[in-house]
C-alpha atoms as a PDB file:
ATOM      1  CA  MET A   1      17.481  67.434  24.477  1.00  0.00           C
ATOM      2  CA  SER A   2      16.964  66.513  20.842  1.00  0.00           C
ATOM      3  CA  ILE A   3      17.868  69.096  18.241  1.00  0.00           C
ATOM      4  CA  TYR A   4      14.470  68.557  16.722  1.00  0.00           C
ATOM      5  CA  THR A   5      12.523  69.666  19.799  1.00  0.00           C
ATOM      6  CA  SER A   6      11.406  73.247  20.179  1.00  0.00           C
ATOM      7  CA  ASN A   7       9.078  75.305  22.273  1.00  0.00           C
ATOM      8  CA  LYS A   8       5.459  74.952  21.324  1.00  0.00           C
ATOM      9  CA  PRO A   9       4.513  78.170  19.523  1.00  0.00           C
ATOM     10  CA  SER A  10       2.204  80.404  21.533  1.00  0.00           C
ATOM     11  CA  PHE A  11      -0.004  82.293  19.114  1.00  0.00           C
ATOM     12  CA  ASN A  12      -3.575  82.352  17.961  1.00  0.00           C
ATOM     13  CA  ASP A  13      -3.835  79.664  15.281  1.00  0.00           C
ATOM     14  CA  CYS A  14      -7.323  80.762  14.334  1.00  0.00           C
ATOM     15  CA  TRP A  15      -6.974  79.224  10.849  1.00  0.00           C
ATOM     16  CA  ASN A  16      -7.125  75.809  12.512  1.00  0.00           C
ATOM     17  CA  GLN A  17     -10.209  76.759  14.500  1.00  0.00           C
ATOM     18  CA  ILE A  18     -12.407  79.022  12.415  1.00  0.00           C
ATOM     19  CA  GLY A  19     -10.358  79.296   9.226  1.00  0.00           C
ATOM     20  CA  VAL A  20      -9.979  77.160   6.106  1.00  0.00           C
ATOM     21  CA  THR A  21      -8.705  74.184   8.120  1.00  0.00           C
ATOM     22  CA  GLY A  22     -11.387  74.670  10.791  1.00  0.00           C
ATOM     23  CA  ASP A  23     -15.125  75.206  10.593  1.00  0.00           C
ATOM     24  CA  ARG A  24     -14.778  78.221   8.198  1.00  0.00           C
ATOM     25  CA  SER A  25     -16.879  80.434  10.468  1.00  0.00           C
ATOM     26  CA  CYS A  26     -14.391  83.349  10.419  1.00  0.00           C
ATOM     27  CA  PRO A  27     -16.115  86.494   9.041  1.00  0.00           C
ATOM     28  CA  GLU A  28     -12.810  87.655   7.473  1.00  0.00           C
ATOM     29  CA  LEU A  29     -12.961  84.827   4.934  1.00  0.00           C
ATOM     30  CA  LYS A  30     -15.458  86.886   2.936  1.00  0.00           C
ATOM     31  CA  THR A  31     -12.763  89.541   2.530  1.00  0.00           C
ATOM     32  CA  PHE A  32      -9.552  87.496   2.235  1.00  0.00           C
ATOM     33  CA  ILE A  33     -10.982  84.293   0.665  1.00  0.00           C
ATOM     34  CA  HIS A  34      -8.138  82.223   2.197  1.00  0.00           C
ATOM     35  CA  CYS A  35      -6.275  82.425   5.509  1.00  0.00           C
ATOM     36  CA  ARG A  36      -2.904  82.844   3.778  1.00  0.00           C
ATOM     37  CA  ASN A  37      -4.096  86.246   2.547  1.00  0.00           C
ATOM     38  CA  CYS A  38      -4.980  87.403   6.066  1.00  0.00           C
ATOM     39  CA  PRO A  39      -2.559  89.666   8.015  1.00  0.00           C
ATOM     40  CA  VAL A  40      -3.165  87.585  11.169  1.00  0.00           C
ATOM     41  CA  TYR A  41      -1.763  84.523   9.382  1.00  0.00           C
ATOM     42  CA  SER A  42       1.252  86.500   8.084  1.00  0.00           C
ATOM     43  CA  LEU A  43       1.981  87.915  11.529  1.00  0.00           C
ATOM     44  CA  ALA A  44       1.938  84.442  13.041  1.00  0.00           C
ATOM     45  CA  GLY A  45       4.389  83.234  10.382  1.00  0.00           C
ATOM     46  CA  ARG A  46       6.839  86.022  11.179  1.00  0.00           C
ATOM     47  CA  GLY A  47       6.511  85.161  14.839  1.00  0.00           C
ATOM     48  CA  LEU A  48       7.621  81.587  14.136  1.00  0.00           C
ATOM     49  CA  LEU A  49      10.773  82.772  12.370  1.00  0.00           C
ATOM     50  CA  GLU A  50      11.646  85.392  14.977  1.00  0.00           C
ATOM     51  CA  ARG A  51      11.031  83.343  18.109  1.00  0.00           C
ATOM     52  CA  GLU A  52      13.916  82.571  20.472  1.00  0.00           C
ATOM     53  CA  PRO A  53      15.458  79.086  20.196  1.00  0.00           C
ATOM     54  CA  PRO A  54      14.859  76.695  23.101  1.00  0.00           C
ATOM     55  CA  PRO A  55      17.503  76.474  25.868  1.00  0.00           C
ATOM     56  CA  GLY A  56      20.569  74.488  24.793  1.00  0.00           C
ATOM     57  CA  TYR A  57      19.584  74.430  21.115  1.00  0.00           C
ATOM     58  CA  ILE A  58      22.617  76.392  19.846  1.00  0.00           C
ATOM     59  CA  ASN A  59      25.084  74.473  22.034  1.00  0.00           C
ATOM     60  CA  GLU A  60      23.658  71.161  20.891  1.00  0.00           C
ATOM     61  CA  TRP A  61      24.088  72.053  17.219  1.00  0.00           C
ATOM     62  CA  THR A  62      27.605  73.394  17.895  1.00  0.00           C
ATOM     63  CA  ASN A  63      28.675  70.158  19.567  1.00  0.00           C
ATOM     64  CA  LEU A  64      27.129  68.117  16.775  1.00  0.00           C
ATOM     65  CA  LEU A  65      29.040  69.967  14.043  1.00  0.00           C
ATOM     66  CA  VAL A  66      32.330  69.959  15.955  1.00  0.00           C
ATOM     67  CA  SER A  67      32.103  66.220  16.569  1.00  0.00           C
ATOM     68  CA  GLN A  68      32.035  65.422  12.860  1.00  0.00           C
ATOM     69  CA  SER A  69      35.446  63.921  12.139  1.00  0.00           C
ATOM     70  CA  VAL A  70      37.430  64.135   8.924  1.00  0.00           C
ATOM     71  CA  PRO A  71      37.069  60.853   6.976  1.00  0.00           C
ATOM     72  CA  GLN A  72      40.228  58.725   6.935  1.00  0.00           C
ATOM     73  CA  GLY A  73      42.263  58.919   3.763  1.00  0.00           C
ATOM     74  CA  GLU A  74      41.402  62.558   3.105  1.00  0.00           C
ATOM     75  CA  SER A  75      43.771  65.372   3.899  1.00  0.00           C
ATOM     76  CA  ALA A  76      42.573  68.288   5.975  1.00  0.00           C
ATOM     77  CA  LEU A  77      43.067  70.627   3.030  1.00  0.00           C
ATOM     78  CA  THR A  78      40.938  68.486   0.746  1.00  0.00           C
ATOM     79  CA  GLN A  79      38.230  68.099   3.369  1.00  0.00           C
ATOM     80  CA  LEU A  80      38.086  71.838   3.966  1.00  0.00           C
ATOM     81  CA  GLY A  81      37.849  72.432   0.241  1.00  0.00           C
ATOM     82  CA  GLU A  82      40.837  74.793   0.105  1.00  0.00           C
ATOM     83  CA  THR A  83      41.427  75.275  -3.596  1.00  0.00           C
ATOM     84  CA  ILE A  84      42.901  77.891  -5.879  1.00  0.00           C
ATOM     85  CA  SER A  85      41.571  78.923  -9.268  1.00  0.00           C
ATOM     86  CA  VAL A  86      44.132  79.754 -11.918  1.00  0.00           C
ATOM     87  CA  ILE A  87      44.259  80.390 -15.634  1.00  0.00           C
ATOM     88  CA  ILE A  88      47.035  78.590 -17.469  1.00  0.00           C
ATOM     89  CA  PHE A  89      48.650  80.102 -20.540  1.00  0.00           C
ATOM     90  CA  ARG A  90      51.709  79.594 -22.705  1.00  0.00           C
ATOM     91  CA  LEU A  91      54.453  82.032 -23.633  1.00  0.00           C
ATOM     92  CA  GLY A  92      56.783  80.475 -26.180  1.00  0.00           C
ATOM     93  CA  VAL A  93      57.518  77.018 -24.794  1.00  0.00           C
ATOM     94  CA  GLU A  94      56.881  77.946 -21.151  1.00  0.00           C
ATOM     95  CA  TRP A  95      53.611  77.142 -19.366  1.00  0.00           C
ATOM     96  CA  LEU A  96      52.594  79.721 -16.783  1.00  0.00           C
ATOM     97  CA  ALA A  97      49.632  80.414 -14.496  1.00  0.00           C
ATOM     98  CA  LEU A  98      48.174  83.413 -12.704  1.00  0.00           C
ATOM     99  CA  SER A  99      45.306  83.721 -10.253  1.00  0.00           C
ATOM    100  CA  ALA A 100      41.997  83.619 -12.119  1.00  0.00           C
ATOM    101  CA  LYS A 101      40.688  86.640 -10.205  1.00  0.00           C
ATOM    102  CA  LEU A 102      43.167  88.876 -12.055  1.00  0.00           C
ATOM    103  CA  PHE A 103      41.765  88.117 -15.499  1.00  0.00           C
ATOM    104  CA  LYS A 104      39.164  90.508 -16.857  1.00  0.00           C
ATOM    105  CA  GLU A 105      39.009  89.627 -20.537  1.00  0.00           C
ATOM    106  CA  VAL A 106      40.561  87.482 -23.254  1.00  0.00           C
ATOM    107  CA  THR A 107      40.231  88.924 -26.724  1.00  0.00           C
ATOM    108  CA  GLN A 108      41.454  88.583 -30.287  1.00  0.00           C
ATOM    109  CA  PRO A 109      44.857  90.064 -31.179  1.00  0.00           C
ATOM    110  CA  CYS A 110      44.753  93.767 -31.989  1.00  0.00           C
ATOM    111  CA  VAL A 111      47.140  96.402 -33.279  1.00  0.00           C
ATOM    112  CA  ILE A 112      49.723  97.629 -30.787  1.00  0.00           C
ATOM    113  CA  HIS A 113      50.484 101.339 -31.156  1.00  0.00           C
ATOM    114  CA  THR A 114      53.980 102.215 -30.024  1.00  0.00           C
ATOM    115  CA  ILE A 115      54.555 105.200 -27.737  1.00  0.00           C
ATOM    116  CA  PRO A 116      57.297 107.567 -28.935  1.00  0.00           C
ATOM    117  CA  HIS A 117      60.338 107.546 -26.636  1.00  0.00           C
ATOM    118  CA  ARG A 118      58.560 105.129 -24.259  1.00  0.00           C
ATOM    119  CA  SER A 119      58.043 101.814 -26.018  1.00  0.00           C
ATOM    120  CA  ASN A 120      60.734  99.221 -25.342  1.00  0.00           C
ATOM    121  CA  GLU A 121      61.128  95.474 -25.010  1.00  0.00           C
ATOM    122  CA  ILE A 122      58.743  95.383 -22.016  1.00  0.00           C
ATOM    123  CA  LEU A 123      56.320  98.232 -22.748  1.00  0.00           C
ATOM    124  CA  LEU A 124      55.146  97.384 -26.251  1.00  0.00           C
ATOM    125  CA  GLY A 125      52.721 100.300 -26.545  1.00  0.00           C
ATOM    126  CA  ILE A 126      49.007 100.918 -26.158  1.00  0.00           C
ATOM    127  CA  VAL A 127      45.986  98.988 -27.419  1.00  0.00           C
ATOM    128  CA  ASN A 128      42.291  99.734 -27.790  1.00  0.00           C
ATOM    129  CA  ILE A 129      40.181  97.210 -25.884  1.00  0.00           C
ATOM    130  CA  ARG A 130      36.470  97.942 -26.382  1.00  0.00           C
ATOM    131  CA  GLY A 131      37.141 101.675 -26.511  1.00  0.00           C
ATOM    132  CA  GLU A 132      39.455 101.683 -23.490  1.00  0.00           C
ATOM    133  CA  ILE A 133      43.103 102.594 -24.079  1.00  0.00           C
ATOM    134  CA  LEU A 134      45.357 100.258 -22.093  1.00  0.00           C
ATOM    135  CA  MET A 135      49.093  99.681 -21.905  1.00  0.00           C
ATOM    136  CA  CYS A 136      50.333  96.513 -23.573  1.00  0.00           C
ATOM    137  CA  VAL A 137      53.372  94.760 -22.136  1.00  0.00           C
ATOM    138  CA  SER A 138      55.485  91.721 -22.921  1.00  0.00           C
ATOM    139  CA  LEU A 139      55.580  89.208 -20.090  1.00  0.00           C
ATOM    140  CA  SER A 140      57.956  87.117 -22.181  1.00  0.00           C
ATOM    141  CA  ASN A 141      60.586  89.841 -22.113  1.00  0.00           C
ATOM    142  CA  LEU A 142      59.920  90.746 -18.486  1.00  0.00           C
ATOM    143  CA  LEU A 143      60.438  87.117 -17.473  1.00  0.00           C
ATOM    144  CA  GLY A 144      63.380  86.665 -19.804  1.00  0.00           C
ATOM    145  CA  LEU A 145      61.803  83.692 -21.560  1.00  0.00           C
ATOM    146  CA  GLU A 146      63.382  82.062 -24.565  1.00  0.00           C
ATOM    147  CA  ASP A 147      61.392  82.684 -27.725  1.00  0.00           C
ATOM    148  CA  ASN A 148      59.842  79.794 -29.620  1.00  0.00           C
ATOM    149  CA  PRO A 149      61.677  79.448 -32.968  1.00  0.00           C
ATOM    150  CA  ALA A 150      58.349  78.929 -34.719  1.00  0.00           C
ATOM    151  CA  ASN A 151      57.213  82.318 -33.431  1.00  0.00           C
ATOM    152  CA  SER A 152      60.408  84.303 -33.860  1.00  0.00           C
ATOM    153  CA  GLY A 153      60.044  88.001 -34.571  1.00  0.00           C
ATOM    154  CA  SER A 154      58.589  90.980 -32.786  1.00  0.00           C
ATOM    155  CA  GLU A 155      55.637  90.721 -30.421  1.00  0.00           C
ATOM    156  CA  GLN A 156      53.582  92.664 -32.950  1.00  0.00           C
ATOM    157  CA  SER A 157      54.304  90.170 -35.729  1.00  0.00           C
ATOM    158  CA  LYS A 158      53.942  87.108 -33.523  1.00  0.00           C
ATOM    159  CA  ILE A 159      50.304  87.805 -32.658  1.00  0.00           C
ATOM    160  CA  GLN A 160      49.311  88.123 -36.304  1.00  0.00           C
ATOM    161  CA  GLN A 161      49.662  84.434 -37.180  1.00  0.00           C
ATOM    162  CA  PRO A 162      48.425  81.193 -35.572  1.00  0.00           C
ATOM    163  CA  LEU A 163      50.576  78.186 -34.962  1.00  0.00           C
ATOM    164  CA  THR A 164      50.052  75.627 -37.710  1.00  0.00           C
ATOM    165  CA  ARG A 165      50.623  71.924 -38.044  1.00  0.00           C
ATOM    166  CA  LYS A 166      53.881  72.716 -39.842  1.00  0.00           C
ATOM    167  CA  SER A 167      55.249  74.566 -36.820  1.00  0.00           C
ATOM    168  CA  LYS A 168      58.069  72.632 -35.204  1.00  0.00           C
ATOM    169  CA  THR A 169      56.908  72.915 -31.622  1.00  0.00           C
ATOM    170  CA  ASN A 170      56.038  70.546 -28.811  1.00  0.00           C
ATOM    171  CA  VAL A 171      52.616  72.126 -28.271  1.00  0.00           C
ATOM    172  CA  SER A 172      49.194  71.404 -29.702  1.00  0.00           C
ATOM    173  CA  PRO A 173      49.080  71.571 -33.534  1.00  0.00           C
ATOM    174  CA  VAL A 174      46.638  74.452 -34.010  1.00  0.00           C
ATOM    175  CA  MET A 175      46.606  77.226 -31.421  1.00  0.00           C
ATOM    176  CA  TYR A 176      45.950  80.932 -31.738  1.00  0.00           C
ATOM    177  CA  GLN A 177      47.470  83.863 -29.940  1.00  0.00           C
ATOM    178  CA  ARG A 178      45.248  85.991 -27.728  1.00  0.00           C
ATOM    179  CA  MET A 179      45.404  89.294 -25.911  1.00  0.00           C
ATOM    180  CA  VAL A 180      44.774  89.057 -22.170  1.00  0.00           C
ATOM    181  CA  VAL A 181      43.482  91.870 -19.946  1.00  0.00           C
ATOM    182  CA  VAL A 182      44.367  91.624 -16.255  1.00  0.00           C
ATOM    183  CA  GLU A 183      43.745  93.977 -13.350  1.00  0.00           C
ATOM    184  CA  ILE A 184      45.657  94.325 -10.109  1.00  0.00           C
ATOM    185  CA  GLU A 185      45.311  97.176  -7.616  1.00  0.00           C
ATOM    186  CA  SER A 186      43.091  99.137 -10.031  1.00  0.00           C
ATOM    187  CA  ASN A 187      45.748  98.974 -12.771  1.00  0.00           C
ATOM    188  CA  ARG A 188      44.861  97.202 -16.012  1.00  0.00           C
ATOM    189  CA  TRP A 189      47.448  95.630 -18.275  1.00  0.00           C
ATOM    190  CA  VAL A 190      47.269  93.829 -21.591  1.00  0.00           C
ATOM    191  CA  PHE A 191      49.751  91.204 -22.718  1.00  0.00           C
ATOM    192  CA  PRO A 192      49.814  88.755 -25.634  1.00  0.00           C
ATOM    193  CA  VAL A 193      49.925  84.997 -25.034  1.00  0.00           C
ATOM    194  CA  ASP A 194      50.560  82.146 -27.444  1.00  0.00           C
ATOM    195  CA  GLU A 195      47.888  79.910 -25.940  1.00  0.00           C
ATOM    196  CA  ILE A 196      45.408  80.102 -23.073  1.00  0.00           C
ATOM    197  CA  PHE A 197      43.104  77.703 -21.275  1.00  0.00           C
ATOM    198  CA  SER A 198      39.993  78.140 -19.181  1.00  0.00           C
ATOM    199  CA  VAL A 199      39.918  78.284 -15.387  1.00  0.00           C
ATOM    200  CA  GLN A 200      41.663  75.345 -13.726  1.00  0.00           C
ATOM    201  CA  ARG A 201      41.249  74.456 -10.042  1.00  0.00           C
ATOM    202  CA  PHE A 202      43.776  72.773  -7.788  1.00  0.00           C
ATOM    203  CA  HIS A 203      43.838  71.785  -4.137  1.00  0.00           C
ATOM    204  CA  THR A 204      46.527  73.654  -2.267  1.00  0.00           C
ATOM    205  CA  ASN A 205      48.172  70.377  -1.296  1.00  0.00           C
ATOM    206  CA  GLU A 206      48.832  69.748  -5.003  1.00  0.00           C
ATOM    207  CA  LEU A 207      51.142  72.758  -5.227  1.00  0.00           C
ATOM    208  CA  LEU A 208      54.868  72.059  -5.260  1.00  0.00           C
ATOM    209  CA  ASP A 209      57.501  74.357  -3.839  1.00  0.00           C
ATOM    210  CA  ALA A 210      59.421  76.485  -6.306  1.00  0.00           C
ATOM    211  CA  PRO A 211      63.047  75.489  -6.950  1.00  0.00           C
ATOM    212  CA  ALA A 212      65.460  76.639  -4.274  1.00  0.00           C
ATOM    213  CA  VAL A 213      68.187  77.337  -6.833  1.00  0.00           C
ATOM    214  CA  ILE A 214      67.200  80.202  -9.124  1.00  0.00           C
ATOM    215  CA  SER A 215      68.762  79.824 -12.555  1.00  0.00           C
ATOM    216  CA  LYS A 216      66.330  81.708 -14.783  1.00  0.00           C
ATOM    217  CA  ALA A 217      64.399  84.942 -14.459  1.00  0.00           C
ATOM    218  CA  THR A 218      61.084  83.078 -14.619  1.00  0.00           C
ATOM    219  CA  ASP A 219      62.016  81.195 -11.430  1.00  0.00           C
ATOM    220  CA  THR A 220      62.358  84.517  -9.614  1.00  0.00           C
ATOM    221  CA  TYR A 221      58.631  85.102 -10.005  1.00  0.00           C
ATOM    222  CA  THR A 222      57.553  81.484  -9.499  1.00  0.00           C
ATOM    223  CA  LYS A 223      55.503  81.020  -6.347  1.00  0.00           C
ATOM    224  CA  TRP A 224      54.590  77.362  -6.808  1.00  0.00           C
ATOM    225  CA  ILE A 225      54.901  74.606  -9.369  1.00  0.00           C
ATOM    226  CA  ILE A 226      51.736  72.948 -10.698  1.00  0.00           C
ATOM    227  CA  ILE A 227      51.722  69.642 -12.552  1.00  0.00           C
ATOM    228  CA  TRP A 228      48.981  69.860 -15.174  1.00  0.00           C
ATOM    229  CA  GLN A 229      48.459  67.443 -18.064  1.00  0.00           C
ATOM    230  CA  ASP A 230      52.005  66.113 -17.546  1.00  0.00           C
ATOM    231  CA  LYS A 231      53.376  69.645 -17.874  1.00  0.00           C
ATOM    232  CA  LYS A 232      55.249  71.693 -15.303  1.00  0.00           C
ATOM    233  CA  VAL A 233      53.420  75.006 -14.897  1.00  0.00           C
ATOM    234  CA  ASN A 234      54.991  77.960 -13.102  1.00  0.00           C
ATOM    235  CA  TYR A 235      52.383  79.596 -10.865  1.00  0.00           C
ATOM    236  CA  LEU A 236      53.570  83.204 -10.793  1.00  0.00           C
ATOM    237  CA  ASP A 237      53.673  85.524  -7.801  1.00  0.00           C
ATOM    238  CA  ASP A 238      51.355  88.196  -9.190  1.00  0.00           C
ATOM    239  CA  GLU A 239      52.213  90.788  -6.527  1.00  0.00           C
ATOM    240  CA  LEU A 240      55.943  90.601  -7.259  1.00  0.00           C
ATOM    241  CA  LEU A 241      55.390  90.357 -11.008  1.00  0.00           C
ATOM    242  CA  PHE A 242      53.238  93.458 -11.346  1.00  0.00           C
ATOM    243  CA  TYR A 243      55.229  95.385  -8.753  1.00  0.00           C
ATOM    244  CA  THR A 244      58.301  94.854 -10.932  1.00  0.00           C
ATOM    245  CA  LEU A 245      56.304  95.751 -14.027  1.00  0.00           C
ATOM    246  CA  ASN A 246      55.184  99.034 -12.467  1.00  0.00           C
ATOM    247  CA  ARG A 247      58.712  99.839 -11.369  1.00  0.00           C
ATOM    248  CA  LYS A 248      60.183  99.212 -14.815  1.00  0.00           C
ATOM    249  CA  ILE A 249      57.534 101.177 -16.721  1.00  0.00           C
ATOM    250  CA  MET A 250      56.210 103.967 -14.539  1.00  0.00           C
END
């Protein structure tokens, strides 16, 4: 059986007999002007969509789709379109990435208000993001990252000034700090970054395993390694990262 064959519809196709495509003798034309405005025509259309498929139709389509082979030279992952979407950002001299689904907003730097007897090197304080009071944290300190000499100072002071062409760094000449809002398990956090890029997509077969030997705190949270624009980017384990953050702050 061909997949293009189907049962001949059994309904009254009066539009082909006495309607606009027939001899136009139907008395209802005076009321509806055209057959497409007639409820008989509409009912017949619904009947076409709701009719049962012919015997073997579903099996034939199933076999056809299953028989389509993966083209040679393409990996199964690439063929299936398994990709991840991440947002890449920089903290000091380290390039990091988190799942794009966590990011809710990227905004201009704002004043961080310290919390008496609570603020520390990880919990910087609270910030006002569009009228919502959120906790602001330092991922740099949580990850134990080395500070960029060009941006030395407190987190509060670092987000007040952009990098300039005179900065002695190995990053792009003019970049501005941003505040990032992320959400995981209904908890929203804000943290400052030195640089951030738009959504980047990678096939899962492009991800490299994290180092087996852990020498720095950042490696503890590294799930995969991504090579992006000749840079090694640490794709962070967001569940472990924010679990640790909750444990250290709450």
